[in-house]
Amino acid sequence: MEVRYSGTVTTPPTFFSSRRNHRTHEQFDVRADDGSTFRVIDNVSISPRVPARPGDHVTVQGELVHDRGKPPIVHWTHHDPGRRHVDGFVELGGRIYA
């Protein structure tokens, strides 16, 4: 399901290599303006790194995924080079990272 949330970053970004495609990703948690929480997972092999810090306000567009026992995630927060998926983004400080 495609979503767009605005909220406040609650954790500093951490980086990891995907086990599936070995691309570098960043992740950080956000408390949405409606009070819900989710984790942003952004492929920084495709889009620029988002210089988010706790307390920053962001708008995130991407695909929402629920994984039992874990916080919901929003991924596909970047453009799709293959043009098969809706483009997502992270907006921070008036700049779009996609």
Protein backbone atom coordinates (compact mmCIF):
# COMPACT_ATOMS: atom_id res chain seq x y z
CA MET A 1 0.00 0.00 0.00
CA GLU A 2 1.42 3.38 -1.00
CA VAL A 3 1.41 5.94 1.82
CA ARG A 4 2.52 9.47 2.58
CA TYR A 5 3.26 10.45 6.19
CA SER A 6 4.69 13.52 7.85
CA GLY A 7 6.33 13.25 11.23
CA THR A 8 9.35 13.63 13.47
CA VAL A 9 12.52 11.56 13.22
CA THR A 10 13.07 9.73 16.52
CA THR A 11 16.33 7.79 15.92
CA PRO A 12 19.54 8.61 14.09
CA PRO A 13 20.02 6.81 10.76
CA THR A 14 21.88 3.53 10.74
CA PHE A 15 23.22 1.79 7.66
CA PHE A 16 23.16 -1.83 6.57
CA SER A 17 23.69 -3.98 3.49
CA SER A 18 20.60 -5.80 2.26
CA ARG A 19 20.87 -9.58 2.45
CA ARG A 20 18.77 -9.89 -0.68
CA ASN A 21 20.49 -7.52 -3.09
CA HIS A 22 23.62 -6.40 -1.16
CA ARG A 23 22.76 -2.72 -1.64
CA THR A 24 23.34 -0.17 1.09
CA HIS A 25 20.26 1.05 2.95
CA GLU A 26 19.68 3.54 5.72
CA GLN A 27 16.97 3.23 8.33
CA PHE A 28 15.50 5.59 10.90
CA ASP A 29 12.32 5.70 12.95
CA VAL A 30 9.59 8.32 12.65
CA ARG A 31 6.63 9.27 14.83
CA ALA A 32 3.94 10.41 12.41
CA ASP A 33 1.87 13.51 13.09
CA ASP A 34 -1.08 11.17 13.83
CA GLY A 35 0.95 9.47 16.63
CA SER A 36 1.72 6.23 14.79
CA THR A 37 5.32 5.08 14.43
CA PHE A 38 7.13 3.44 11.56
CA ARG A 39 10.63 2.74 10.29
CA VAL A 40 11.89 4.30 7.06
CA ILE A 41 14.16 2.04 5.00
CA ASP A 42 15.79 3.93 2.14
CA ASN A 43 18.03 2.40 -0.54
CA VAL A 44 21.00 4.79 -0.66
CA SER A 45 22.49 2.87 -3.56
CA ILE A 46 19.69 4.44 -5.63
CA SER A 47 18.91 7.71 -3.89
CA PRO A 48 21.00 10.17 -1.90
CA ARG A 49 21.46 9.62 1.82
CA VAL A 50 18.97 11.63 3.90
CA PRO A 51 20.84 13.68 6.53
CA ALA A 52 18.03 13.22 9.07
CA ARG A 53 18.58 13.68 12.79
CA PRO A 54 16.27 13.08 15.74
CA GLY A 55 13.86 16.00 16.01
CA ASP A 56 13.84 16.73 12.27
CA HIS A 57 10.45 16.90 10.54
CA VAL A 58 10.15 14.76 7.39
CA THR A 59 7.53 13.79 4.85
CA VAL A 60 7.88 10.25 3.54
CA GLN A 61 6.20 8.62 0.55
CA GLY A 62 6.65 4.93 -0.13
CA GLU A 63 5.23 1.47 0.32
CA LEU A 64 3.95 0.49 3.78
CA VAL A 65 4.76 -3.07 4.87
CA HIS A 66 3.64 -4.77 8.07
CA ASP A 67 5.87 -7.53 9.41
CA ARG A 68 4.48 -9.42 12.40
CA GLY A 69 6.28 -8.61 15.60
CA LYS A 70 8.17 -5.67 14.11
CA PRO A 71 7.33 -2.02 13.60
CA PRO A 72 5.73 -1.21 10.23
CA ILE A 73 8.20 -0.06 7.60
CA VAL A 74 7.95 2.38 4.72
CA HIS A 75 10.30 1.45 1.89
CA TRP A 76 10.52 2.31 -1.83
CA THR A 77 11.28 5.85 -0.63
CA HIS A 78 13.25 6.51 -3.83
CA HIS A 79 12.70 6.65 -7.58
CA ASP A 80 12.41 3.35 -9.46
CA PRO A 81 15.12 3.14 -12.11
CA GLY A 82 13.13 0.34 -13.81
CA ARG A 83 9.92 2.42 -13.87
CA ARG A 84 7.87 -0.52 -12.58
CA HIS A 85 6.97 0.96 -9.19
CA VAL A 86 5.52 4.24 -7.96
CA ASP A 87 8.35 6.62 -7.07
CA GLY A 88 8.75 7.46 -3.41
CA PHE A 89 10.73 10.13 -1.59
CA VAL A 90 11.83 11.59 1.72
CA GLU A 91 11.47 15.35 2.10
CA LEU A 92 13.63 17.09 4.69
CA GLY A 93 14.12 20.82 5.06
CA GLY A 94 12.41 21.54 1.73
CA ARG A 95 14.68 19.16 -0.20
CA ILE A 96 13.42 15.99 -1.87
CA TYR A 97 15.61 12.88 -1.59
CA ALA A 98 14.52 10.34 -4.20
